Amino acid sequence: MTHRPPARFQLDTTELADGAHTLHIRAYDSGGYQGVRSVPFTVRNGPSIAVNGLDDDDVLEGKLPILVNSYGGTQEASLGTRSGWRRPRRRPPGSGCCSW
């Protein structure tokens, strides 16, 4: 989209996938010189996920107890690693928020 400054628009994050995105802005002066600005942002419209017992880039060994919880979701989740995703097991009605 093209606008004359100052520009105002509404960013609809519901049209974007959850994850990392970048807004790229280019401005031109009367001499044709270009200014560029990139603004990285993260979209998280889906449920919030909390993980206890595992942090980014941890070095792991053996068996580890890990607690995973989600808030504001549909009460089902999937677990996975780079080697593949595990499908959630069916949970009995009234048995809590999540099933893996």
Protein backbone atom coordinates (compact mmCIF):
# COMPACT_ATOMS: atom_id res chain seq x y z
CA MET A 1 0.00 0.00 0.00
CA THR A 2 1.16 3.54 -0.65
CA HIS A 3 0.43 6.56 1.57
CA ARG A 4 1.62 10.13 2.02
CA PRO A 5 3.13 10.72 5.48
CA PRO A 6 1.98 10.62 8.12
CA ALA A 7 0.48 7.23 7.30
CA ARG A 8 -2.03 5.44 9.49
CA PHE A 9 -3.44 1.97 8.90
CA GLN A 10 -4.84 -0.93 10.86
CA LEU A 11 -2.82 -4.15 11.01
CA ASP A 12 -5.22 -7.11 11.24
CA THR A 13 -3.19 -9.86 12.92
CA THR A 14 -6.09 -12.30 12.53
CA GLU A 15 -5.11 -12.48 8.84
CA LEU A 16 -1.54 -13.55 9.78
CA ALA A 17 -0.27 -16.90 11.00
CA ASP A 18 1.02 -17.03 14.57
CA GLY A 19 4.78 -16.54 14.63
CA ALA A 20 7.47 -14.09 13.55
CA HIS A 21 6.73 -11.37 10.98
CA THR A 22 8.40 -8.16 9.83
CA LEU A 23 6.78 -4.89 8.76
CA HIS A 24 8.90 -3.28 6.02
CA ILE A 25 8.55 0.47 5.44
CA ARG A 26 10.11 2.44 2.59
CA ALA A 27 9.99 6.23 2.30
CA TYR A 28 11.23 8.40 -0.56
CA ASP A 29 12.18 12.07 -0.56
CA SER A 30 11.80 14.52 -3.45
CA GLY A 31 15.32 13.67 -4.65
CA GLY A 32 14.42 9.99 -4.97
CA TYR A 33 16.50 8.90 -1.97
CA GLN A 34 15.05 5.97 -0.07
CA GLY A 35 14.80 5.40 3.67
CA VAL A 36 14.09 1.88 4.89
CA ARG A 37 12.87 0.62 8.25
CA SER A 38 12.01 -2.94 9.24
CA VAL A 39 10.09 -3.69 12.43
CA PRO A 40 10.02 -7.33 13.57
CA PHE A 41 7.01 -8.47 15.59
CA THR A 42 5.40 -11.69 16.76
CA VAL A 43 1.75 -12.62 16.28
CA ARG A 44 0.17 -14.77 18.94
CA ASN A 45 -3.58 -14.98 18.32
CA GLY A 46 -3.71 -18.61 19.40
CA PRO A 47 -3.72 -19.88 22.97
CA SER A 48 -0.87 -19.00 25.29
CA ILE A 49 1.40 -21.95 26.11
CA ALA A 50 3.49 -22.29 29.28
CA VAL A 51 6.34 -24.82 29.53
CA ASN A 52 8.06 -25.61 32.82
CA GLY A 53 11.13 -27.84 33.02
CA LEU A 54 12.57 -26.98 29.59
CA ASP A 55 14.09 -23.71 28.35
CA ASP A 56 15.27 -22.59 24.92
CA ASP A 57 18.57 -24.22 23.90
CA ASP A 58 18.79 -26.45 26.99
CA VAL A 59 21.21 -29.37 26.79
CA LEU A 60 19.29 -32.47 27.86
CA GLU A 61 20.16 -35.91 29.13
CA GLY A 62 17.99 -38.75 30.41
CA LYS A 63 14.33 -38.44 31.34
CA LEU A 64 12.95 -35.04 32.36
CA PRO A 65 9.63 -34.11 33.95
CA ILE A 66 8.06 -31.35 31.87
CA LEU A 67 4.81 -29.51 32.57
CA VAL A 68 2.94 -28.00 29.61
CA ASN A 69 -0.20 -25.92 29.98
CA SER A 70 -2.26 -23.80 27.59
CA TYR A 71 -4.61 -20.93 28.34
CA GLY A 72 -7.49 -19.69 26.23
CA GLY A 73 -7.41 -22.53 23.71
CA THR A 74 -9.82 -25.20 22.55
CA GLN A 75 -8.67 -27.58 25.29
CA GLU A 76 -6.59 -29.81 23.01
CA ALA A 77 -2.93 -29.54 22.06
CA SER A 78 -0.21 -31.41 20.20
CA LEU A 79 3.35 -32.08 21.35
CA GLY A 80 6.25 -32.42 18.99
CA THR A 81 9.95 -32.27 18.38
CA ARG A 82 11.90 -31.63 15.21
CA SER A 83 11.60 -35.32 14.46
CA GLY A 84 7.79 -35.18 14.39
CA TRP A 85 4.56 -34.29 16.13
CA ARG A 86 2.59 -36.58 18.42
CA ARG A 87 -1.14 -36.49 17.98
CA PRO A 88 -3.09 -35.72 21.14
CA ARG A 89 -4.94 -38.61 22.78
CA ARG A 90 -8.65 -38.25 23.31
CA ARG A 91 -9.36 -37.02 26.81
CA PRO A 92 -12.38 -38.05 28.82
CA PRO A 93 -14.99 -35.28 29.23
CA GLY A 94 -14.33 -33.11 32.29
CA SER A 95 -10.76 -34.32 32.74
CA GLY A 96 -9.02 -30.95 32.54
CA CYS A 97 -7.69 -28.63 29.91
CA CYS A 98 -5.25 -30.58 27.84
CA SER A 99 -4.48 -34.02 26.52
CA TRP A 100 -1.27 -35.34 25.01
